[in-house]
N, C-alpha and C. Protein backbone atom coordinates (compact mmCIF):
# COMPACT_ATOMS: atom_id res chain seq x y z
N MET A 1 90.93 108.68 142.41
CA MET A 1 91.16 109.40 141.17
C MET A 1 89.88 110.16 140.84
N SER A 2 90.06 111.43 140.47
CA SER A 2 88.89 112.25 140.17
C SER A 2 88.29 111.86 138.83
N GLU A 3 87.07 112.27 138.65
CA GLU A 3 86.35 111.98 137.40
C GLU A 3 87.06 112.62 136.20
N GLN A 4 87.58 113.83 136.37
CA GLN A 4 88.28 114.52 135.28
C GLN A 4 89.58 113.79 134.92
N THR A 5 90.30 113.30 135.90
CA THR A 5 91.54 112.56 135.64
C THR A 5 91.24 111.28 134.88
N LYS A 6 90.15 110.59 135.26
CA LYS A 6 89.75 109.37 134.55
C LYS A 6 89.44 109.66 133.09
N ARG A 7 88.72 110.79 132.85
CA ARG A 7 88.39 111.17 131.47
C ARG A 7 89.65 111.49 130.66
N GLU A 8 90.60 112.17 131.30
CA GLU A 8 91.85 112.49 130.61
C GLU A 8 92.61 111.21 130.25
N TRP A 9 92.68 110.27 131.18
CA TRP A 9 93.34 109.00 130.90
C TRP A 9 92.64 108.26 129.77
N LEU A 10 91.32 108.25 129.80
CA LEU A 10 90.54 107.59 128.76
C LEU A 10 90.79 108.24 127.40
N GLU A 11 90.88 109.56 127.34
CA GLU A 11 91.16 110.26 126.10
C GLU A 11 92.56 109.92 125.58
N TRP A 12 93.54 109.85 126.46
CA TRP A 12 94.90 109.47 126.07
C TRP A 12 94.92 108.04 125.53
N ILE A 13 94.24 107.14 126.19
CA ILE A 13 94.20 105.74 125.75
C ILE A 13 93.53 105.64 124.38
N LYS A 14 92.45 106.38 124.17
CA LYS A 14 91.78 106.39 122.87
C LYS A 14 92.72 106.92 121.79
N ALA A 15 93.40 108.02 122.07
CA ALA A 15 94.31 108.62 121.09
C ALA A 15 95.43 107.66 120.72
N ILE A 16 95.99 107.00 121.71
CA ILE A 16 97.07 106.04 121.46
C ILE A 16 96.54 104.85 120.65
N ALA A 17 95.37 104.35 121.00
CA ALA A 17 94.78 103.22 120.27
C ALA A 17 94.50 103.60 118.81
N ILE A 18 93.99 104.79 118.58
CA ILE A 18 93.73 105.25 117.21
C ILE A 18 95.05 105.37 116.44
N ALA A 19 96.07 105.92 117.07
CA ALA A 19 97.37 106.07 116.40
C ALA A 19 97.96 104.70 116.04
N ILE A 20 97.86 103.74 116.94
CA ILE A 20 98.37 102.40 116.67
C ILE A 20 97.58 101.74 115.55
N ALA A 21 96.27 101.87 115.58
CA ALA A 21 95.43 101.28 114.53
C ALA A 21 95.73 101.92 113.16
N LEU A 22 95.89 103.24 113.15
CA LEU A 22 96.21 103.94 111.91
C LEU A 22 97.57 103.51 111.37
N ALA A 23 98.56 103.41 112.25
CA ALA A 23 99.89 102.95 111.83
C ALA A 23 99.82 101.54 111.26
N PHE A 24 99.04 100.67 111.89
CA PHE A 24 98.89 99.29 111.42
C PHE A 24 98.26 99.27 110.02
N VAL A 25 97.22 100.03 109.81
CA VAL A 25 96.54 100.08 108.51
C VAL A 25 97.49 100.63 107.44
N LEU A 26 98.18 101.72 107.74
CA LEU A 26 99.11 102.30 106.77
C LEU A 26 100.22 101.32 106.43
N ARG A 27 100.78 100.67 107.43
CA ARG A 27 101.89 99.72 107.21
C ARG A 27 101.41 98.48 106.45
N THR A 28 100.22 98.00 106.74
CA THR A 28 99.72 96.78 106.11
C THR A 28 99.27 97.01 104.67
N PHE A 29 98.60 98.10 104.41
CA PHE A 29 97.95 98.28 103.11
C PHE A 29 98.57 99.35 102.21
N PHE A 30 99.33 100.28 102.76
CA PHE A 30 99.80 101.40 101.95
C PHE A 30 101.32 101.50 101.82
N PHE A 31 102.02 101.48 102.94
CA PHE A 31 103.47 101.67 102.92
C PHE A 31 104.15 100.63 103.78
N ALA A 32 105.36 100.26 103.40
CA ALA A 32 106.19 99.35 104.19
C ALA A 32 107.64 99.73 103.95
N THR A 33 108.53 99.08 104.66
CA THR A 33 109.95 99.35 104.49
C THR A 33 110.69 98.08 104.08
N SER A 34 111.83 98.28 103.46
CA SER A 34 112.68 97.17 103.06
C SER A 34 114.13 97.62 103.19
N ILE A 35 115.02 96.69 103.47
CA ILE A 35 116.44 96.99 103.58
C ILE A 35 117.13 96.56 102.29
N VAL A 36 117.96 97.44 101.75
CA VAL A 36 118.73 97.14 100.55
C VAL A 36 119.90 96.25 100.98
N GLU A 37 120.00 95.09 100.32
CA GLU A 37 121.09 94.15 100.63
C GLU A 37 121.99 94.01 99.41
N GLY A 38 123.27 94.26 99.60
CA GLY A 38 124.23 94.09 98.52
C GLY A 38 124.43 95.35 97.70
N ALA A 39 125.29 95.22 96.71
CA ALA A 39 125.72 96.37 95.90
C ALA A 39 125.00 96.47 94.56
N SER A 40 123.96 95.67 94.33
CA SER A 40 123.36 95.63 92.99
C SER A 40 122.65 96.91 92.57
N MET A 41 122.29 97.78 93.51
CA MET A 41 121.62 99.04 93.14
C MET A 41 122.52 100.26 93.26
N ASN A 42 123.83 100.06 93.52
CA ASN A 42 124.77 101.19 93.54
C ASN A 42 124.81 101.83 92.17
N PRO A 43 124.91 103.11 92.00
CA PRO A 43 125.09 104.13 93.01
C PRO A 43 123.79 104.71 93.56
N THR A 44 122.64 104.27 93.06
CA THR A 44 121.36 104.84 93.48
C THR A 44 121.04 104.51 94.93
N LEU A 45 121.15 103.25 95.28
CA LEU A 45 120.89 102.79 96.65
C LEU A 45 122.09 101.97 97.12
N GLU A 46 122.43 102.12 98.38
CA GLU A 46 123.58 101.41 98.93
C GLU A 46 123.14 100.35 99.91
N SER A 47 123.95 99.32 100.04
CA SER A 47 123.66 98.24 100.97
C SER A 47 123.47 98.80 102.38
N GLY A 48 122.43 98.34 103.04
CA GLY A 48 122.14 98.78 104.40
C GLY A 48 121.13 99.91 104.48
N GLU A 49 120.88 100.58 103.37
CA GLU A 49 119.87 101.65 103.41
C GLU A 49 118.49 101.03 103.57
N ARG A 50 117.63 101.73 104.28
CA ARG A 50 116.25 101.30 104.44
C ARG A 50 115.39 102.22 103.58
N VAL A 51 114.54 101.61 102.75
CA VAL A 51 113.67 102.38 101.87
C VAL A 51 112.21 102.16 102.25
N MET A 52 111.41 103.19 102.05
CA MET A 52 109.96 103.07 102.23
C MET A 52 109.38 102.85 100.84
N PHE A 53 108.46 101.88 100.74
CA PHE A 53 107.85 101.65 99.44
C PHE A 53 106.34 101.71 99.51
N ASN A 54 105.77 102.13 98.39
CA ASN A 54 104.34 102.33 98.22
C ASN A 54 103.73 101.00 97.77
N LYS A 55 102.88 100.42 98.61
CA LYS A 55 102.29 99.11 98.31
C LYS A 55 101.03 99.20 97.46
N ILE A 56 100.39 100.34 97.43
CA ILE A 56 99.08 100.44 96.77
C ILE A 56 99.19 100.94 95.33
N ILE A 57 100.31 101.53 94.95
CA ILE A 57 100.44 102.18 93.64
C ILE A 57 100.12 101.24 92.49
N TYR A 58 100.54 99.98 92.57
CA TYR A 58 100.34 99.09 91.43
C TYR A 58 98.97 98.40 91.43
N TYR A 59 98.11 98.76 92.36
CA TYR A 59 96.70 98.36 92.27
C TYR A 59 95.96 99.34 91.36
N ILE A 60 96.49 100.56 91.24
CA ILE A 60 95.82 101.58 90.44
C ILE A 60 96.63 101.97 89.19
N ASP A 61 97.86 101.50 89.09
CA ASP A 61 98.73 101.80 87.95
C ASP A 61 99.61 100.58 87.70
N GLU A 62 100.40 100.62 86.67
CA GLU A 62 101.31 99.51 86.39
C GLU A 62 102.75 100.00 86.50
N PRO A 63 103.69 99.09 86.74
CA PRO A 63 105.09 99.50 86.81
C PRO A 63 105.54 100.15 85.50
N ASN A 64 106.26 101.25 85.61
CA ASN A 64 106.73 101.99 84.45
C ASN A 64 108.24 101.89 84.32
N HIS A 65 108.74 102.14 83.12
CA HIS A 65 110.18 102.18 82.89
C HIS A 65 110.83 103.11 83.92
N GLY A 66 111.89 102.63 84.54
CA GLY A 66 112.63 103.45 85.49
C GLY A 66 112.18 103.35 86.94
N ASP A 67 111.00 102.78 87.19
CA ASP A 67 110.56 102.63 88.58
C ASP A 67 111.51 101.71 89.33
N ILE A 68 111.84 102.07 90.57
CA ILE A 68 112.60 101.18 91.44
C ILE A 68 111.56 100.42 92.26
N VAL A 69 111.55 99.10 92.09
CA VAL A 69 110.47 98.29 92.67
C VAL A 69 111.01 97.27 93.68
N ILE A 70 110.10 96.81 94.52
CA ILE A 70 110.38 95.71 95.44
C ILE A 70 109.75 94.47 94.84
N ILE A 71 110.57 93.42 94.69
CA ILE A 71 110.12 92.16 94.10
C ILE A 71 110.13 91.10 95.19
N GLU A 72 108.98 90.48 95.38
CA GLU A 72 108.86 89.46 96.42
C GLU A 72 109.06 88.07 95.81
N LYS A 73 110.10 87.40 96.27
CA LYS A 73 110.38 86.02 95.88
C LYS A 73 110.28 85.16 97.15
N PRO A 74 110.12 83.84 97.01
CA PRO A 74 109.97 82.99 98.19
C PRO A 74 111.12 83.10 99.20
N THR A 75 112.33 83.30 98.73
CA THR A 75 113.47 83.31 99.65
C THR A 75 113.80 84.69 100.19
N LYS A 76 113.53 85.75 99.43
CA LYS A 76 113.83 87.12 99.88
C LYS A 76 113.20 88.13 98.94
N ASN A 77 113.25 89.39 99.35
CA ASN A 77 112.79 90.48 98.50
C ASN A 77 114.00 91.10 97.80
N TYR A 78 113.77 91.59 96.58
CA TYR A 78 114.82 92.23 95.79
C TYR A 78 114.39 93.65 95.47
N VAL A 79 115.36 94.55 95.37
CA VAL A 79 115.13 95.93 94.95
C VAL A 79 115.79 96.07 93.57
N LYS A 80 114.99 96.37 92.55
CA LYS A 80 115.51 96.47 91.18
C LYS A 80 114.79 97.60 90.44
N ARG A 81 115.31 97.92 89.26
CA ARG A 81 114.71 98.96 88.41
C ARG A 81 114.00 98.31 87.23
N VAL A 82 112.78 98.77 86.93
CA VAL A 82 112.04 98.27 85.77
C VAL A 82 112.70 98.82 84.51
N ILE A 83 113.12 97.90 83.64
CA ILE A 83 113.75 98.28 82.38
C ILE A 83 112.80 98.02 81.21
N GLY A 84 112.06 96.92 81.28
CA GLY A 84 111.17 96.58 80.19
C GLY A 84 109.79 96.17 80.67
N GLN A 85 108.78 96.63 79.95
CA GLN A 85 107.38 96.28 80.20
C GLN A 85 106.97 95.19 79.22
N PRO A 86 105.79 94.57 79.43
CA PRO A 86 105.33 93.53 78.52
C PRO A 86 105.36 94.00 77.06
N GLY A 87 105.95 93.16 76.19
CA GLY A 87 106.03 93.47 74.77
C GLY A 87 107.29 94.22 74.35
N ASP A 88 108.03 94.78 75.30
CA ASP A 88 109.27 95.49 74.96
C ASP A 88 110.35 94.50 74.52
N THR A 89 111.26 94.98 73.68
CA THR A 89 112.46 94.22 73.32
C THR A 89 113.65 94.89 73.99
N ILE A 90 114.41 94.10 74.75
CA ILE A 90 115.53 94.62 75.55
C ILE A 90 116.84 94.09 74.98
N GLU A 91 117.81 94.99 74.86
CA GLU A 91 119.14 94.59 74.42
C GLU A 91 120.17 95.48 75.12
N PHE A 92 121.28 94.88 75.50
CA PHE A 92 122.38 95.62 76.09
C PHE A 92 123.63 95.27 75.31
N LYS A 93 124.20 96.26 74.61
CA LYS A 93 125.41 96.00 73.84
C LYS A 93 126.31 97.23 73.88
N ASN A 94 127.62 96.93 73.94
CA ASN A 94 128.63 97.99 73.99
C ASN A 94 128.33 99.03 75.08
N ASN A 95 127.96 98.53 76.27
CA ASN A 95 127.64 99.37 77.43
C ASN A 95 126.48 100.34 77.19
N GLN A 96 125.59 100.00 76.30
CA GLN A 96 124.41 100.82 76.02
C GLN A 96 123.16 99.96 76.11
N LEU A 97 122.16 100.44 76.84
CA LEU A 97 120.88 99.76 76.95
C LEU A 97 119.95 100.25 75.84
N TYR A 98 119.29 99.29 75.18
CA TYR A 98 118.31 99.60 74.15
C TYR A 98 116.97 99.00 74.56
N VAL A 99 115.92 99.78 74.47
CA VAL A 99 114.55 99.31 74.67
C VAL A 99 113.82 99.60 73.37
N ASN A 100 113.32 98.53 72.75
CA ASN A 100 112.66 98.66 71.45
C ASN A 100 113.56 99.36 70.44
N GLU A 101 114.83 98.96 70.43
CA GLU A 101 115.88 99.45 69.53
C GLU A 101 116.23 100.92 69.74
N GLN A 102 115.73 101.54 70.80
CA GLN A 102 116.04 102.94 71.09
C GLN A 102 117.04 103.00 72.24
N PRO A 103 118.17 103.70 72.07
CA PRO A 103 119.13 103.83 73.17
C PRO A 103 118.48 104.59 74.33
N GLN A 104 118.77 104.12 75.54
CA GLN A 104 118.16 104.70 76.73
C GLN A 104 119.18 105.56 77.48
N GLU A 105 118.75 106.76 77.84
CA GLU A 105 119.58 107.62 78.67
C GLU A 105 119.36 107.19 80.12
N GLN A 106 120.43 106.85 80.79
CA GLN A 106 120.33 106.37 82.17
C GLN A 106 121.19 107.26 83.07
N THR A 107 120.67 108.42 83.38
CA THR A 107 121.42 109.41 84.14
C THR A 107 121.73 108.96 85.57
N TYR A 108 121.06 107.94 86.04
CA TYR A 108 121.27 107.43 87.40
C TYR A 108 122.49 106.51 87.49
N LEU A 109 123.12 106.18 86.36
CA LEU A 109 124.29 105.31 86.33
C LEU A 109 125.57 106.13 86.22
N ASN A 110 126.69 105.49 86.59
CA ASN A 110 127.99 106.08 86.32
C ASN A 110 128.82 105.04 85.56
N GLU A 111 130.03 105.39 85.15
CA GLU A 111 130.83 104.48 84.34
C GLU A 111 131.10 103.15 85.04
N GLN A 112 131.28 103.20 86.36
CA GLN A 112 131.55 101.97 87.12
C GLN A 112 130.34 101.04 87.13
N SER A 113 129.14 101.59 86.99
CA SER A 113 127.91 100.79 87.04
C SER A 113 127.81 99.79 85.90
N THR A 114 128.36 100.15 84.75
CA THR A 114 128.24 99.28 83.58
C THR A 114 129.55 98.65 83.16
N ALA A 115 130.65 99.02 83.81
CA ALA A 115 131.97 98.47 83.43
C ALA A 115 131.95 96.95 83.58
N GLY A 116 132.39 96.28 82.54
CA GLY A 116 132.46 94.82 82.59
C GLY A 116 131.15 94.11 82.34
N THR A 117 130.10 94.84 82.00
CA THR A 117 128.80 94.21 81.74
C THR A 117 128.81 93.59 80.36
N ARG A 118 128.43 92.32 80.31
CA ARG A 118 128.41 91.60 79.03
C ARG A 118 127.19 92.01 78.19
N ASP A 119 127.33 91.88 76.89
CA ASP A 119 126.20 92.13 75.99
C ASP A 119 125.10 91.12 76.30
N PHE A 120 123.86 91.53 76.04
CA PHE A 120 122.71 90.70 76.35
C PHE A 120 121.60 90.98 75.36
N GLY A 121 120.90 89.93 74.94
CA GLY A 121 119.72 90.09 74.12
C GLY A 121 120.05 90.15 72.65
N PRO A 122 119.06 90.53 71.86
CA PRO A 122 117.75 91.05 72.25
C PRO A 122 116.79 89.96 72.73
N VAL A 123 115.95 90.34 73.71
CA VAL A 123 114.89 89.47 74.21
C VAL A 123 113.59 90.26 74.27
N GLU A 124 112.49 89.57 74.03
CA GLU A 124 111.18 90.21 74.14
C GLU A 124 110.56 89.86 75.47
N VAL A 125 110.04 90.87 76.17
CA VAL A 125 109.41 90.67 77.46
C VAL A 125 108.02 90.08 77.23
N PRO A 126 107.74 88.90 77.83
CA PRO A 126 106.42 88.26 77.63
C PRO A 126 105.28 89.06 78.26
N GLU A 127 104.09 88.80 77.80
CA GLU A 127 102.88 89.44 78.34
C GLU A 127 102.78 89.12 79.83
N GLY A 128 102.42 90.13 80.62
CA GLY A 128 102.26 89.94 82.06
C GLY A 128 103.56 89.87 82.84
N ARG A 129 104.68 90.15 82.18
CA ARG A 129 106.01 90.08 82.83
C ARG A 129 106.76 91.39 82.65
N TYR A 130 107.79 91.56 83.48
CA TYR A 130 108.63 92.75 83.43
C TYR A 130 110.09 92.33 83.43
N PHE A 131 110.92 93.15 82.82
CA PHE A 131 112.36 92.94 82.80
C PHE A 131 112.96 93.95 83.77
N VAL A 132 113.71 93.46 84.76
CA VAL A 132 114.29 94.33 85.78
C VAL A 132 115.80 94.15 85.81
N MET A 133 116.49 95.22 86.20
CA MET A 133 117.95 95.17 86.36
C MET A 133 118.33 96.00 87.57
N GLY A 134 119.46 95.62 88.17
CA GLY A 134 120.05 96.47 89.19
C GLY A 134 120.83 97.58 88.52
N ASP A 135 121.06 98.67 89.23
CA ASP A 135 121.81 99.78 88.64
C ASP A 135 123.30 99.47 88.54
N ASN A 136 123.80 98.56 89.34
CA ASN A 136 125.19 98.13 89.27
C ASN A 136 125.22 96.89 88.38
N ARG A 137 125.17 97.12 87.08
CA ARG A 137 124.91 96.08 86.09
C ARG A 137 125.88 94.90 86.13
N SER A 138 127.13 95.15 86.50
CA SER A 138 128.12 94.07 86.45
C SER A 138 127.99 93.07 87.59
N VAL A 139 127.29 93.41 88.68
CA VAL A 139 127.17 92.48 89.81
C VAL A 139 125.73 92.13 90.16
N SER A 140 124.78 92.65 89.43
CA SER A 140 123.37 92.49 89.79
C SER A 140 122.79 91.14 89.37
N LYS A 141 122.08 90.51 90.31
CA LYS A 141 121.24 89.35 89.99
C LYS A 141 119.90 89.95 89.56
N ASP A 142 119.54 89.77 88.30
CA ASP A 142 118.33 90.41 87.79
C ASP A 142 117.72 89.57 86.67
N SER A 143 116.95 90.18 85.79
CA SER A 143 116.27 89.42 84.74
C SER A 143 117.22 88.76 83.77
N ARG A 144 118.45 89.22 83.70
CA ARG A 144 119.43 88.61 82.81
C ARG A 144 119.98 87.30 83.37
N ASN A 145 120.00 87.17 84.68
CA ASN A 145 120.70 86.04 85.30
C ASN A 145 120.16 85.73 86.70
N GLY A 146 119.22 84.88 86.79
CA GLY A 146 118.77 84.46 88.12
C GLY A 146 117.31 84.78 88.42
N LEU A 147 116.90 86.02 88.22
CA LEU A 147 115.51 86.37 88.52
C LEU A 147 114.58 86.07 87.35
N GLY A 148 115.09 86.15 86.14
CA GLY A 148 114.25 85.96 84.98
C GLY A 148 113.23 87.09 84.86
N PHE A 149 112.26 86.90 83.99
CA PHE A 149 111.19 87.88 83.86
C PHE A 149 110.35 87.84 85.13
N VAL A 150 109.92 89.00 85.59
CA VAL A 150 109.20 89.12 86.85
C VAL A 150 107.72 89.34 86.55
N SER A 151 106.86 88.57 87.22
CA SER A 151 105.42 88.75 87.02
C SER A 151 104.93 89.96 87.81
N GLU A 152 103.84 90.52 87.35
CA GLU A 152 103.27 91.69 88.01
C GLU A 152 102.91 91.38 89.46
N ASP A 153 102.49 90.15 89.74
CA ASP A 153 102.14 89.76 91.11
C ASP A 153 103.34 89.77 92.05
N GLU A 154 104.54 89.57 91.51
CA GLU A 154 105.75 89.57 92.35
C GLU A 154 106.22 90.97 92.70
N ILE A 155 105.76 91.97 91.96
CA ILE A 155 106.14 93.36 92.23
C ILE A 155 105.16 93.89 93.28
N ILE A 156 105.68 94.09 94.50
CA ILE A 156 104.79 94.44 95.61
C ILE A 156 104.81 95.91 95.97
N GLY A 157 105.63 96.71 95.29
CA GLY A 157 105.61 98.13 95.57
C GLY A 157 106.71 98.88 94.84
N ARG A 158 106.58 100.21 94.88
CA ARG A 158 107.57 101.11 94.27
C ARG A 158 108.26 101.89 95.38
N THR A 159 109.59 101.91 95.35
CA THR A 159 110.30 102.66 96.38
C THR A 159 110.05 104.15 96.18
N GLU A 160 109.87 104.82 97.29
CA GLU A 160 109.57 106.25 97.26
C GLU A 160 110.62 107.08 97.98
N LEU A 161 111.22 106.50 99.04
CA LEU A 161 111.99 107.32 99.95
C LEU A 161 113.06 106.49 100.64
N ILE A 162 114.28 107.03 100.73
CA ILE A 162 115.31 106.45 101.59
C ILE A 162 115.07 107.03 102.97
N ILE A 163 114.84 106.16 103.97
CA ILE A 163 114.53 106.67 105.31
C ILE A 163 115.64 106.41 106.33
N TYR A 164 116.65 105.61 105.94
CA TYR A 164 117.76 105.36 106.85
C TYR A 164 118.98 105.03 106.02
N PRO A 165 120.15 105.52 106.36
CA PRO A 165 120.49 106.33 107.52
C PRO A 165 119.87 107.72 107.45
N PHE A 166 119.63 108.28 108.61
CA PHE A 166 118.88 109.53 108.71
C PHE A 166 119.55 110.68 107.96
N ASN A 167 120.88 110.67 107.86
CA ASN A 167 121.56 111.77 107.16
C ASN A 167 121.45 111.65 105.65
N GLN A 168 120.80 110.56 105.14
CA GLN A 168 120.64 110.38 103.71
C GLN A 168 119.16 110.30 103.30
N ILE A 169 118.27 110.79 104.14
CA ILE A 169 116.85 110.77 103.80
C ILE A 169 116.64 111.54 102.51
N SER A 170 116.02 110.89 101.53
CA SER A 170 115.77 111.52 100.23
C SER A 170 114.79 110.69 99.43
N LEU A 171 114.23 111.30 98.40
CA LEU A 171 113.37 110.59 97.48
C LEU A 171 114.24 109.69 96.59
N THR A 172 113.73 108.52 96.21
CA THR A 172 114.47 107.68 95.28
C THR A 172 114.20 108.17 93.88
N LYS A 173 115.11 107.91 92.96
CA LYS A 173 114.94 108.40 91.59
C LYS A 173 114.92 107.26 90.61
């Protein structure tokens, strides 16, 4: 093998090693993927979709109303929407969500999303906790039933992008 061929091989190996190391760093510290399981986030996200989430955002900011977040629990991860921040009062009555007694416009929902949803609250979100709900309110396991209030440490990222199936690649809303 000539000296030039050896150098070319060495350059290719270096480039591949750098690409793998960069991918590892990005995946470990900045972005990761999660699969949506179940119908609790319909119509925004559907079961089987793979989403990319931003892992670093909540080191520099806090979860905001409307963010779609990944919640890490011992048994599995959940994808839910932040409805209430610490200190907020949450109430759901007559198919209307109220945060701090103000009706919330939820353009991401449709009539089927809230059909059959029972009234809930009012409840105050404790300090250091968040109130989350699925967009398919009638079937979602969320802060109303099962998940309870979610601590900031359990929120491991904000969904940014649907990456699979490929024909549905889009930003999450």
